Amino acid sequence: MKSWIRMIHQHALLLLLSTAVLVLPAGTVGATEQVNTTLFGVAIKGYDTVAYHTEGKAVKGSKKISHKWNDAKWYFVSEANRDLFVKDPERYAPQYGGY
Protein backbone atom coordinates (compact mmCIF):
# COMPACT_ATOMS: atom_id res chain seq x y z
CA MET A 1 0.00 0.00 0.00
CA LYS A 2 2.79 2.47 0.87
CA SER A 3 4.53 1.85 -2.48
CA TRP A 4 1.28 2.65 -4.31
CA ILE A 5 0.92 5.95 -2.42
CA ARG A 6 4.58 6.77 -3.03
CA MET A 7 4.07 6.16 -6.78
CA ILE A 8 1.07 8.52 -6.82
CA HIS A 9 3.10 11.20 -5.02
CA GLN A 10 5.99 10.79 -7.47
CA HIS A 11 3.64 11.11 -10.46
CA ALA A 12 1.94 14.13 -8.94
CA LEU A 13 5.30 15.77 -8.31
CA LEU A 14 6.43 15.00 -11.85
CA LEU A 15 3.21 16.48 -13.25
CA LEU A 16 3.60 19.60 -11.11
CA LEU A 17 7.21 20.13 -12.18
CA SER A 18 6.38 19.51 -15.84
CA THR A 19 3.60 22.08 -15.67
CA ALA A 20 5.92 24.62 -14.05
CA VAL A 21 8.53 24.09 -16.77
CA LEU A 22 5.91 24.74 -19.45
CA VAL A 23 4.06 27.62 -17.79
CA LEU A 24 6.84 29.75 -16.29
CA PRO A 25 8.72 30.50 -19.52
CA ALA A 26 5.45 31.28 -21.29
CA GLY A 27 4.77 34.03 -18.77
CA THR A 28 8.03 35.78 -19.61
CA VAL A 29 7.83 35.59 -23.40
CA GLY A 30 7.05 39.05 -24.74
CA ALA A 31 7.15 40.54 -21.27
CA THR A 32 7.54 44.29 -21.43
CA GLU A 33 8.46 47.02 -19.01
CA GLN A 34 5.95 49.33 -17.47
CA VAL A 35 5.61 52.50 -19.53
CA ASN A 36 5.90 55.99 -18.07
CA THR A 37 2.58 57.71 -18.83
CA THR A 38 0.69 60.90 -18.09
CA LEU A 39 -2.19 60.91 -15.60
CA PHE A 40 -4.43 60.04 -18.54
CA GLY A 41 -2.36 56.99 -19.54
CA VAL A 42 -0.69 58.59 -22.56
CA ALA A 43 2.83 57.36 -23.31
CA ILE A 44 5.73 59.77 -23.87
CA LYS A 45 3.46 62.79 -23.36
CA GLY A 46 1.67 62.20 -26.66
CA TYR A 47 4.70 62.34 -28.92
CA ASP A 48 4.92 59.94 -31.86
CA THR A 49 7.60 57.42 -30.93
CA VAL A 50 7.95 56.22 -34.53
CA ALA A 51 8.69 59.77 -35.70
CA TYR A 52 11.78 59.78 -33.47
CA HIS A 53 13.10 56.99 -35.67
CA THR A 54 11.78 58.03 -39.08
CA GLU A 55 12.07 61.84 -38.89
CA GLY A 56 14.77 62.11 -36.25
CA LYS A 57 12.82 64.61 -34.17
CA ALA A 58 10.01 64.88 -31.65
CA VAL A 59 6.60 65.28 -33.28
CA LYS A 60 3.37 65.53 -31.30
CA GLY A 61 0.93 62.74 -32.19
CA SER A 62 -2.83 62.93 -32.63
CA LYS A 63 -5.46 61.51 -30.28
CA LYS A 64 -7.34 60.45 -33.41
CA ILE A 65 -4.49 58.17 -34.50
CA SER A 66 -3.68 56.06 -31.47
CA HIS A 67 -2.98 52.55 -30.31
CA LYS A 68 -3.15 50.96 -26.86
CA TRP A 69 -0.12 48.86 -25.97
CA ASN A 70 1.38 47.83 -22.66
CA ASP A 71 -1.35 49.61 -20.66
CA ALA A 72 -0.61 52.93 -22.35
CA LYS A 73 -2.13 55.01 -25.15
CA TRP A 74 0.32 55.86 -27.92
CA TYR A 75 -0.35 58.77 -30.30
CA PHE A 76 0.94 59.02 -33.87
CA VAL A 77 1.12 61.65 -36.61
CA SER A 78 -0.02 59.20 -39.29
CA GLU A 79 -1.69 55.84 -39.72
CA ALA A 80 1.53 54.62 -41.36
CA ASN A 81 3.49 55.37 -38.18
CA ARG A 82 0.81 53.69 -36.08
CA ASP A 83 0.93 50.60 -38.30
CA LEU A 84 4.73 50.41 -38.00
CA PHE A 85 4.40 50.56 -34.22
CA VAL A 86 1.66 47.91 -34.13
CA LYS A 87 3.85 45.51 -36.13
CA ASP A 88 6.88 45.89 -33.82
CA PRO A 89 6.19 48.00 -30.72
CA GLU A 90 9.33 46.95 -28.87
CA ARG A 91 11.43 48.35 -31.71
CA TYR A 92 9.89 51.80 -31.38
CA ALA A 93 9.01 52.04 -27.68
CA PRO A 94 11.55 53.99 -25.63
CA GLN A 95 14.02 52.05 -23.54
CA TYR A 96 13.46 51.73 -19.80
CA GLY A 97 9.76 52.51 -20.18
CA GLY A 98 10.44 56.08 -21.20
CA TYR A 99 11.75 57.16 -17.79
C-alpha atoms as a PDB file:
ATOM      1  CA  MET A   1       0.000   0.000   0.000  1.00  0.00           C
ATOM      2  CA  LYS A   2       2.786   2.471   0.871  1.00  0.00           C
ATOM      3  CA  SER A   3       4.529   1.851  -2.478  1.00  0.00           C
ATOM      4  CA  TRP A   4       1.281   2.653  -4.309  1.00  0.00           C
ATOM      5  CA  ILE A   5       0.923   5.953  -2.417  1.00  0.00           C
ATOM      6  CA  ARG A   6       4.584   6.767  -3.029  1.00  0.00           C
ATOM      7  CA  MET A   7       4.071   6.161  -6.777  1.00  0.00           C
ATOM      8  CA  ILE A   8       1.071   8.520  -6.818  1.00  0.00           C
ATOM      9  CA  HIS A   9       3.098  11.204  -5.017  1.00  0.00           C
ATOM     10  CA  GLN A  10       5.987  10.790  -7.468  1.00  0.00           C
ATOM     11  CA  HIS A  11       3.640  11.105 -10.457  1.00  0.00           C
ATOM     12  CA  ALA A  12       1.935  14.128  -8.938  1.00  0.00           C
ATOM     13  CA  LEU A  13       5.298  15.775  -8.311  1.00  0.00           C
ATOM     14  CA  LEU A  14       6.430  15.001 -11.850  1.00  0.00           C
ATOM     15  CA  LEU A  15       3.212  16.479 -13.247  1.00  0.00           C
ATOM     16  CA  LEU A  16       3.603  19.601 -11.113  1.00  0.00           C
ATOM     17  CA  LEU A  17       7.215  20.128 -12.182  1.00  0.00           C
ATOM     18  CA  SER A  18       6.381  19.506 -15.838  1.00  0.00           C
ATOM     19  CA  THR A  19       3.599  22.077 -15.668  1.00  0.00           C
ATOM     20  CA  ALA A  20       5.921  24.620 -14.054  1.00  0.00           C
ATOM     21  CA  VAL A  21       8.526  24.095 -16.775  1.00  0.00           C
ATOM     22  CA  LEU A  22       5.907  24.738 -19.451  1.00  0.00           C
ATOM     23  CA  VAL A  23       4.065  27.622 -17.794  1.00  0.00           C
ATOM     24  CA  LEU A  24       6.838  29.754 -16.287  1.00  0.00           C
ATOM     25  CA  PRO A  25       8.724  30.501 -19.519  1.00  0.00           C
ATOM     26  CA  ALA A  26       5.448  31.282 -21.290  1.00  0.00           C
ATOM     27  CA  GLY A  27       4.770  34.031 -18.766  1.00  0.00           C
ATOM     28  CA  THR A  28       8.034  35.783 -19.608  1.00  0.00           C
ATOM     29  CA  VAL A  29       7.825  35.589 -23.396  1.00  0.00           C
ATOM     30  CA  GLY A  30       7.055  39.052 -24.736  1.00  0.00           C
ATOM     31  CA  ALA A  31       7.153  40.541 -21.271  1.00  0.00           C
ATOM     32  CA  THR A  32       7.540  44.286 -21.429  1.00  0.00           C
ATOM     33  CA  GLU A  33       8.460  47.020 -19.013  1.00  0.00           C
ATOM     34  CA  GLN A  34       5.949  49.330 -17.465  1.00  0.00           C
ATOM     35  CA  VAL A  35       5.606  52.499 -19.534  1.00  0.00           C
ATOM     36  CA  ASN A  36       5.897  55.990 -18.071  1.00  0.00           C
ATOM     37  CA  THR A  37       2.585  57.714 -18.834  1.00  0.00           C
ATOM     38  CA  THR A  38       0.694  60.904 -18.092  1.00  0.00           C
ATOM     39  CA  LEU A  39      -2.187  60.911 -15.605  1.00  0.00           C
ATOM     40  CA  PHE A  40      -4.429  60.039 -18.542  1.00  0.00           C
ATOM     41  CA  GLY A  41      -2.363  56.990 -19.541  1.00  0.00           C
ATOM     42  CA  VAL A  42      -0.686  58.591 -22.563  1.00  0.00           C
ATOM     43  CA  ALA A  43       2.828  57.359 -23.313  1.00  0.00           C
ATOM     44  CA  ILE A  44       5.729  59.766 -23.871  1.00  0.00           C
ATOM     45  CA  LYS A  45       3.464  62.788 -23.364  1.00  0.00           C
ATOM     46  CA  GLY A  46       1.670  62.200 -26.655  1.00  0.00           C
ATOM     47  CA  TYR A  47       4.704  62.340 -28.922  1.00  0.00           C
ATOM     48  CA  ASP A  48       4.921  59.935 -31.862  1.00  0.00           C
ATOM     49  CA  THR A  49       7.600  57.421 -30.934  1.00  0.00           C
ATOM     50  CA  VAL A  50       7.950  56.217 -34.532  1.00  0.00           C
ATOM     51  CA  ALA A  51       8.694  59.768 -35.699  1.00  0.00           C
ATOM     52  CA  TYR A  52      11.779  59.784 -33.470  1.00  0.00           C
ATOM     53  CA  HIS A  53      13.104  56.985 -35.672  1.00  0.00           C
ATOM     54  CA  THR A  54      11.776  58.026 -39.084  1.00  0.00           C
ATOM     55  CA  GLU A  55      12.065  61.836 -38.890  1.00  0.00           C
ATOM     56  CA  GLY A  56      14.773  62.109 -36.249  1.00  0.00           C
ATOM     57  CA  LYS A  57      12.820  64.606 -34.167  1.00  0.00           C
ATOM     58  CA  ALA A  58      10.013  64.880 -31.653  1.00  0.00           C
ATOM     59  CA  VAL A  59       6.605  65.276 -33.278  1.00  0.00           C
ATOM     60  CA  LYS A  60       3.369  65.529 -31.300  1.00  0.00           C
ATOM     61  CA  GLY A  61       0.932  62.740 -32.188  1.00  0.00           C
ATOM     62  CA  SER A  62      -2.827  62.927 -32.625  1.00  0.00           C
ATOM     63  CA  LYS A  63      -5.464  61.509 -30.276  1.00  0.00           C
ATOM     64  CA  LYS A  64      -7.342  60.452 -33.408  1.00  0.00           C
ATOM     65  CA  ILE A  65      -4.491  58.168 -34.503  1.00  0.00           C
ATOM     66  CA  SER A  66      -3.684  56.065 -31.474  1.00  0.00           C
ATOM     67  CA  HIS A  67      -2.978  52.546 -30.312  1.00  0.00           C
ATOM     68  CA  LYS A  68      -3.150  50.964 -26.859  1.00  0.00           C
ATOM     69  CA  TRP A  69      -0.117  48.862 -25.971  1.00  0.00           C
ATOM     70  CA  ASN A  70       1.383  47.828 -22.658  1.00  0.00           C
ATOM     71  CA  ASP A  71      -1.351  49.606 -20.660  1.00  0.00           C
ATOM     72  CA  ALA A  72      -0.608  52.935 -22.349  1.00  0.00           C
ATOM     73  CA  LYS A  73      -2.134  55.012 -25.147  1.00  0.00           C
ATOM     74  CA  TRP A  74       0.324  55.861 -27.925  1.00  0.00           C
ATOM     75  CA  TYR A  75      -0.354  58.772 -30.299  1.00  0.00           C
ATOM     76  CA  PHE A  76       0.938  59.022 -33.866  1.00  0.00           C
ATOM     77  CA  VAL A  77       1.120  61.651 -36.611  1.00  0.00           C
ATOM     78  CA  SER A  78      -0.021  59.203 -39.288  1.00  0.00           C
ATOM     79  CA  GLU A  79      -1.686  55.838 -39.722  1.00  0.00           C
ATOM     80  CA  ALA A  80       1.528  54.620 -41.365  1.00  0.00           C
ATOM     81  CA  ASN A  81       3.488  55.369 -38.185  1.00  0.00           C
ATOM     82  CA  ARG A  82       0.809  53.689 -36.081  1.00  0.00           C
ATOM     83  CA  ASP A  83       0.933  50.597 -38.297  1.00  0.00           C
ATOM     84  CA  LEU A  84       4.730  50.408 -37.997  1.00  0.00           C
ATOM     85  CA  PHE A  85       4.400  50.555 -34.219  1.00  0.00           C
ATOM     86  CA  VAL A  86       1.662  47.906 -34.133  1.00  0.00           C
ATOM     87  CA  LYS A  87       3.854  45.509 -36.128  1.00  0.00           C
ATOM     88  CA  ASP A  88       6.883  45.888 -33.823  1.00  0.00           C
ATOM     89  CA  PRO A  89       6.191  48.000 -30.717  1.00  0.00           C
ATOM     90  CA  GLU A  90       9.325  46.946 -28.866  1.00  0.00           C
ATOM     91  CA  ARG A  91      11.434  48.347 -31.707  1.00  0.00           C
ATOM     92  CA  TYR A  92       9.893  51.799 -31.376  1.00  0.00           C
ATOM     93  CA  ALA A  93       9.005  52.041 -27.677  1.00  0.00           C
ATOM     94  CA  PRO A  94      11.549  53.988 -25.634  1.00  0.00           C
ATOM     95  CA  GLN A  95      14.018  52.052 -23.537  1.00  0.00           C
ATOM     96  CA  TYR A  96      13.458  51.731 -19.804  1.00  0.00           C
ATOM     97  CA  GLY A  97       9.758  52.506 -20.181  1.00  0.00           C
ATOM     98  CA  GLY A  98      10.440  56.084 -21.201  1.00  0.00           C
ATOM     99  CA  TYR A  99      11.748  57.162 -17.793  1.00  0.00           C
END
